[in-house]
C-alpha atoms as a PDB file:
ATOM      1  CA  MET A   1     -22.573  11.390 -13.035  1.00  0.00           C
ATOM      2  CA  LYS A   2     -19.718   8.980 -13.718  1.00  0.00           C
ATOM      3  CA  VAL A   3     -16.725   9.090 -11.370  1.00  0.00           C
ATOM      4  CA  ILE A   4     -13.578   7.005 -10.772  1.00  0.00           C
ATOM      5  CA  LEU A   5     -12.990   5.988  -7.169  1.00  0.00           C
ATOM      6  CA  LEU A   6      -9.562   6.806  -5.718  1.00  0.00           C
ATOM      7  CA  GLU A   7     -10.169   4.749  -2.559  1.00  0.00           C
ATOM      8  CA  ASN A   8     -12.484   2.034  -1.284  1.00  0.00           C
ATOM      9  CA  VAL A   9     -15.805   3.540  -0.206  1.00  0.00           C
ATOM     10  CA  ARG A  10     -18.196   1.424   1.873  1.00  0.00           C
ATOM     11  CA  LYS A  11     -21.323   0.348  -0.045  1.00  0.00           C
ATOM     12  CA  VAL A  12     -20.187   2.296  -3.119  1.00  0.00           C
ATOM     13  CA  GLY A  13     -17.189   0.605  -4.730  1.00  0.00           C
ATOM     14  CA  SER A  14     -13.456  -0.042  -4.726  1.00  0.00           C
ATOM     15  CA  ILE A  15     -10.332   1.692  -6.047  1.00  0.00           C
ATOM     16  CA  GLY A  16     -10.263   2.373  -9.784  1.00  0.00           C
ATOM     17  CA  GLU A  17     -13.923   1.447 -10.271  1.00  0.00           C
ATOM     18  CA  ILE A  18     -15.989   3.692 -12.533  1.00  0.00           C
ATOM     19  CA  ILE A  19     -19.408   4.185 -10.971  1.00  0.00           C
ATOM     20  CA  ASP A  20     -22.519   6.214 -11.663  1.00  0.00           C
ATOM     21  CA  VAL A  21     -23.693   8.307  -8.679  1.00  0.00           C
ATOM     22  CA  ASN A  22     -25.941  11.303  -8.061  1.00  0.00           C
ATOM     23  CA  ARG A  23     -24.372  14.573  -9.164  1.00  0.00           C
ATOM     24  CA  GLY A  24     -24.660  16.115  -5.659  1.00  0.00           C
ATOM     25  CA  TYR A  25     -23.081  13.076  -3.941  1.00  0.00           C
ATOM     26  CA  ALA A  26     -20.236  13.107  -6.461  1.00  0.00           C
ATOM     27  CA  ARG A  27     -19.558  16.835  -6.230  1.00  0.00           C
ATOM     28  CA  ASN A  28     -20.220  17.487  -2.554  1.00  0.00           C
ATOM     29  CA  TYR A  29     -18.735  14.334  -1.040  1.00  0.00           C
ATOM     30  CA  LEU A  30     -16.675  12.050  -3.298  1.00  0.00           C
ATOM     31  CA  ILE A  31     -14.805  14.711  -5.268  1.00  0.00           C
ATOM     32  CA  ALA A  32     -14.663  17.234  -2.370  1.00  0.00           C
ATOM     33  CA  GLN A  33     -13.144  14.571  -0.039  1.00  0.00           C
ATOM     34  CA  LYS A  34     -10.733  13.499  -2.825  1.00  0.00           C
ATOM     35  CA  LYS A  35     -12.254  10.018  -2.847  1.00  0.00           C
ATOM     36  CA  ALA A  36     -13.066  10.219  -6.571  1.00  0.00           C
ATOM     37  CA  LEU A  37     -12.357  12.019  -9.846  1.00  0.00           C
ATOM     38  CA  PHE A  38     -14.720  12.945 -12.670  1.00  0.00           C
ATOM     39  CA  ALA A  39     -14.577  10.083 -15.214  1.00  0.00           C
ATOM     40  CA  SER A  40     -12.987  11.826 -18.208  1.00  0.00           C
ATOM     41  CA  LYS A  41     -10.741   9.926 -20.668  1.00  0.00           C
ATOM     42  CA  GLU A  42      -7.626  11.637 -19.269  1.00  0.00           C
ATOM     43  CA  ASN A  43      -8.563  10.838 -15.653  1.00  0.00           C
ATOM     44  CA  ILE A  44      -9.294   7.192 -16.502  1.00  0.00           C
ATOM     45  CA  LYS A  45      -5.795   6.833 -18.046  1.00  0.00           C
ATOM     46  CA  GLU A  46      -4.234   8.615 -15.046  1.00  0.00           C
ATOM     47  CA  VAL A  47      -5.987   6.346 -12.526  1.00  0.00           C
ATOM     48  CA  GLU A  48      -4.884   3.229 -14.434  1.00  0.00           C
ATOM     49  CA  LYS A  49      -1.267   4.403 -14.051  1.00  0.00           C
ATOM     50  CA  ILE A  50      -1.511   5.107 -10.313  1.00  0.00           C
ATOM     51  CA  LYS A  51      -3.827   2.217  -9.360  1.00  0.00           C
ATOM     52  CA  ALA A  52      -1.033   0.212  -7.665  1.00  0.00           C
ATOM     53  CA  GLU A  53       0.045   3.262  -5.650  1.00  0.00           C
ATOM     54  CA  LEU A  54      -3.565   3.881  -4.579  1.00  0.00           C
ATOM     55  CA  GLY A  55      -3.868   0.233  -3.538  1.00  0.00           C
ATOM     56  CA  LYS A  56      -0.744   0.575  -1.372  1.00  0.00           C
ATOM     57  CA  LYS A  57      -2.089   3.785   0.239  1.00  0.00           C
ATOM     58  CA  ASP A  58      -5.386   2.042   0.969  1.00  0.00           C
ATOM     59  CA  GLN A  59      -3.524  -0.907   2.534  1.00  0.00           C
ATOM     60  CA  ASP A  60      -1.579   1.535   4.744  1.00  0.00           C
ATOM     61  CA  LYS A  61      -4.859   3.173   5.842  1.00  0.00           C
ATOM     62  CA  LYS A  62      -6.306  -0.267   6.543  1.00  0.00           C
ATOM     63  CA  ASN A  63      -3.287  -1.259   8.686  1.00  0.00           C
ATOM     64  CA  GLU A  64      -3.541   2.021  10.614  1.00  0.00           C
ATOM     65  CA  ALA A  65      -7.272   1.400  11.150  1.00  0.00           C
ATOM     66  CA  LYS A  66      -6.529  -2.135  12.451  1.00  0.00           C
ATOM     67  CA  GLU A  67      -3.986  -0.688  14.877  1.00  0.00           C
ATOM     68  CA  ILE A  68      -6.524   1.857  16.200  1.00  0.00           C
ATOM     69  CA  ASP A  69      -9.171  -0.876  16.405  1.00  0.00           C
ATOM     70  CA  ASN A  70      -6.852  -3.027  18.540  1.00  0.00           C
ATOM     71  CA  ARG A  71      -6.098  -0.078  20.861  1.00  0.00           C
ATOM     72  CA  LEU A  72      -9.792   0.732  21.355  1.00  0.00           C
ATOM     73  CA  LYS A  73     -11.272  -2.783  21.489  1.00  0.00           C
ATOM     74  CA  GLY A  74     -13.529  -3.226  24.528  1.00  0.00           C
ATOM     75  CA  LYS A  75     -12.687   0.168  26.038  1.00  0.00           C
ATOM     76  CA  GLU A  76     -15.154   2.386  27.851  1.00  0.00           C
ATOM     77  CA  PHE A  77     -14.915   6.170  27.899  1.00  0.00           C
ATOM     78  CA  SER A  78     -16.688   8.505  30.323  1.00  0.00           C
ATOM     79  CA  ILE A  79     -18.232  11.884  29.574  1.00  0.00           C
ATOM     80  CA  LYS A  80     -19.562  14.184  32.302  1.00  0.00           C
ATOM     81  CA  LYS A  81     -22.693  16.124  31.357  1.00  0.00           C
ATOM     82  CA  LEU A  82     -25.223  18.242  33.237  1.00  0.00           C
ATOM     83  CA  SER A  83     -28.495  16.380  33.707  1.00  0.00           C
ATOM     84  CA  THR A  84     -31.942  16.756  35.245  1.00  0.00           C
ATOM     85  CA  GLU A  85     -33.208  14.760  38.240  1.00  0.00           C
ATOM     86  CA  ASN A  86     -34.748  12.139  35.934  1.00  0.00           C
ATOM     87  CA  LYS A  87     -31.369  11.477  34.247  1.00  0.00           C
ATOM     88  CA  GLU A  88     -32.154  13.416  31.045  1.00  0.00           C
ATOM     89  CA  LEU A  89     -29.288  15.466  29.583  1.00  0.00           C
ATOM     90  CA  TYR A  90     -29.439  19.160  28.766  1.00  0.00           C
ATOM     91  CA  GLY A  91     -28.774  18.619  25.070  1.00  0.00           C
ATOM     92  CA  SER A  92     -27.074  15.440  23.830  1.00  0.00           C
ATOM     93  CA  VAL A  93     -23.632  13.930  23.307  1.00  0.00           C
ATOM     94  CA  LYS A  94     -22.548  14.644  19.734  1.00  0.00           C
ATOM     95  CA  PRO A  95     -19.958  12.794  17.584  1.00  0.00           C
ATOM     96  CA  THR A  96     -17.640  15.850  17.853  1.00  0.00           C
ATOM     97  CA  GLU A  97     -17.526  15.421  21.654  1.00  0.00           C
ATOM     98  CA  ILE A  98     -16.727  11.715  21.313  1.00  0.00           C
ATOM     99  CA  SER A  99     -14.016  12.552  18.760  1.00  0.00           C
ATOM    100  CA  LYS A 100     -12.463  15.125  21.171  1.00  0.00           C
ATOM    101  CA  LEU A 101     -12.646  12.597  24.020  1.00  0.00           C
ATOM    102  CA  LEU A 102     -10.723  10.011  21.961  1.00  0.00           C
ATOM    103  CA  LYS A 103      -8.107  12.657  21.107  1.00  0.00           C
ATOM    104  CA  GLU A 104      -7.671  13.647  24.787  1.00  0.00           C
ATOM    105  CA  VAL A 105      -7.686  10.172  26.337  1.00  0.00           C
ATOM    106  CA  GLU A 106      -6.079   7.939  23.691  1.00  0.00           C
ATOM    107  CA  ASN A 107      -4.439  10.565  21.430  1.00  0.00           C
ATOM    108  CA  ILE A 108      -6.323   9.123  18.454  1.00  0.00           C
ATOM    109  CA  ASP A 109      -7.501  11.570  15.802  1.00  0.00           C
ATOM    110  CA  ILE A 110     -10.865  10.450  14.408  1.00  0.00           C
ATOM    111  CA  ASN A 111     -13.031  12.617  12.189  1.00  0.00           C
ATOM    112  CA  PRO A 112     -16.465  13.203  13.840  1.00  0.00           C
ATOM    113  CA  SER A 113     -18.169  12.059  10.615  1.00  0.00           C
ATOM    114  CA  LEU A 114     -16.772   8.544  11.269  1.00  0.00           C
ATOM    115  CA  VAL A 115     -18.370   8.380  14.738  1.00  0.00           C
ATOM    116  CA  GLN A 116     -21.820   6.727  14.790  1.00  0.00           C
ATOM    117  CA  PRO A 117     -23.669   6.346  18.100  1.00  0.00           C
ATOM    118  CA  ALA A 118     -26.050   3.332  17.955  1.00  0.00           C
ATOM    119  CA  LYS A 119     -28.810   5.683  19.141  1.00  0.00           C
ATOM    120  CA  GLU A 120     -28.970   9.335  20.147  1.00  0.00           C
ATOM    121  CA  ILE A 121     -27.296   9.934  23.502  1.00  0.00           C
ATOM    122  CA  LYS A 122     -29.776  12.065  25.465  1.00  0.00           C
ATOM    123  CA  SER A 123     -29.656  10.582  28.968  1.00  0.00           C
ATOM    124  CA  LEU A 124     -27.216   9.145  31.515  1.00  0.00           C
ATOM    125  CA  GLY A 125     -26.050   5.573  30.928  1.00  0.00           C
ATOM    126  CA  ILE A 126     -23.777   3.421  28.772  1.00  0.00           C
ATOM    127  CA  TYR A 127     -24.055   3.565  24.980  1.00  0.00           C
ATOM    128  CA  ASP A 128     -22.474   1.627  22.107  1.00  0.00           C
ATOM    129  CA  VAL A 129     -20.683   3.785  19.563  1.00  0.00           C
ATOM    130  CA  ILE A 130     -19.412   2.535  16.195  1.00  0.00           C
ATOM    131  CA  LEU A 131     -16.278   4.058  14.667  1.00  0.00           C
ATOM    132  CA  ASN A 132     -15.925   3.623  10.895  1.00  0.00           C
ATOM    133  CA  LEU A 133     -12.138   3.524  10.746  1.00  0.00           C
ATOM    134  CA  HIS A 134     -11.889   2.153   7.191  1.00  0.00           C
ATOM    135  CA  SER A 135     -14.303   0.922   4.541  1.00  0.00           C
ATOM    136  CA  GLU A 136     -13.662  -2.631   5.820  1.00  0.00           C
ATOM    137  CA  ILE A 137     -12.982  -1.973   9.528  1.00  0.00           C
ATOM    138  CA  GLN A 138     -15.436  -0.855  12.188  1.00  0.00           C
ATOM    139  CA  SER A 139     -14.560  -0.531  15.857  1.00  0.00           C
ATOM    140  CA  LYS A 140     -17.030  -0.548  18.732  1.00  0.00           C
ATOM    141  CA  ILE A 141     -16.508   1.386  21.964  1.00  0.00           C
ATOM    142  CA  LYS A 142     -18.727   2.147  24.926  1.00  0.00           C
ATOM    143  CA  VAL A 143     -19.426   5.694  26.084  1.00  0.00           C
ATOM    144  CA  LYS A 144     -20.583   6.095  29.669  1.00  0.00           C
ATOM    145  CA  VAL A 145     -22.449   9.339  30.329  1.00  0.00           C
ATOM    146  CA  ILE A 146     -22.231  10.328  33.989  1.00  0.00           C
ATOM    147  CA  ALA A 147     -23.732  13.253  35.907  1.00  0.00           C
ATOM    148  CA  GLN A 148     -21.584  16.333  36.271  1.00  0.00           C
ATOM    149  CA  GLU A 149     -21.716  17.809  39.755  1.00  0.00           C
ATOM    150  CA  GLU A 150     -23.196  21.315  39.741  1.00  0.00           C
ATOM    151  CA  ASN A 151     -21.227  23.967  41.607  1.00  0.00           C
END
């Protein structure tokens, strides 16, 4: 399915580019997230008109992502979780929890889908977590999982 990108998408393409992607990816992600439009003649003409505006919006998003990256650079965040005697967690730390933690501690709103732990967090310790803030900007933080005292 041919679509026109309305913003830069990592490993896919840049603004205004007409690309061919799987129908499901186009419908369920690119078009649903308003990152692309179906490539009809009318839409192609429309995107040509608003390309400069889209470029400016993308630059604003990029600047905002740089600002967040600078605020988070080298920071470590702690999460308390219940664990067994051999330091295994009951469950795991999910991207939604990390996203909530960033909102509470730093007042930074990051969509959980942009949070990528380097590996699954299933035990106590320190883990690297990558935040995809923009198609060109990734930030790295550390998440320290510590034992929660049982009452």
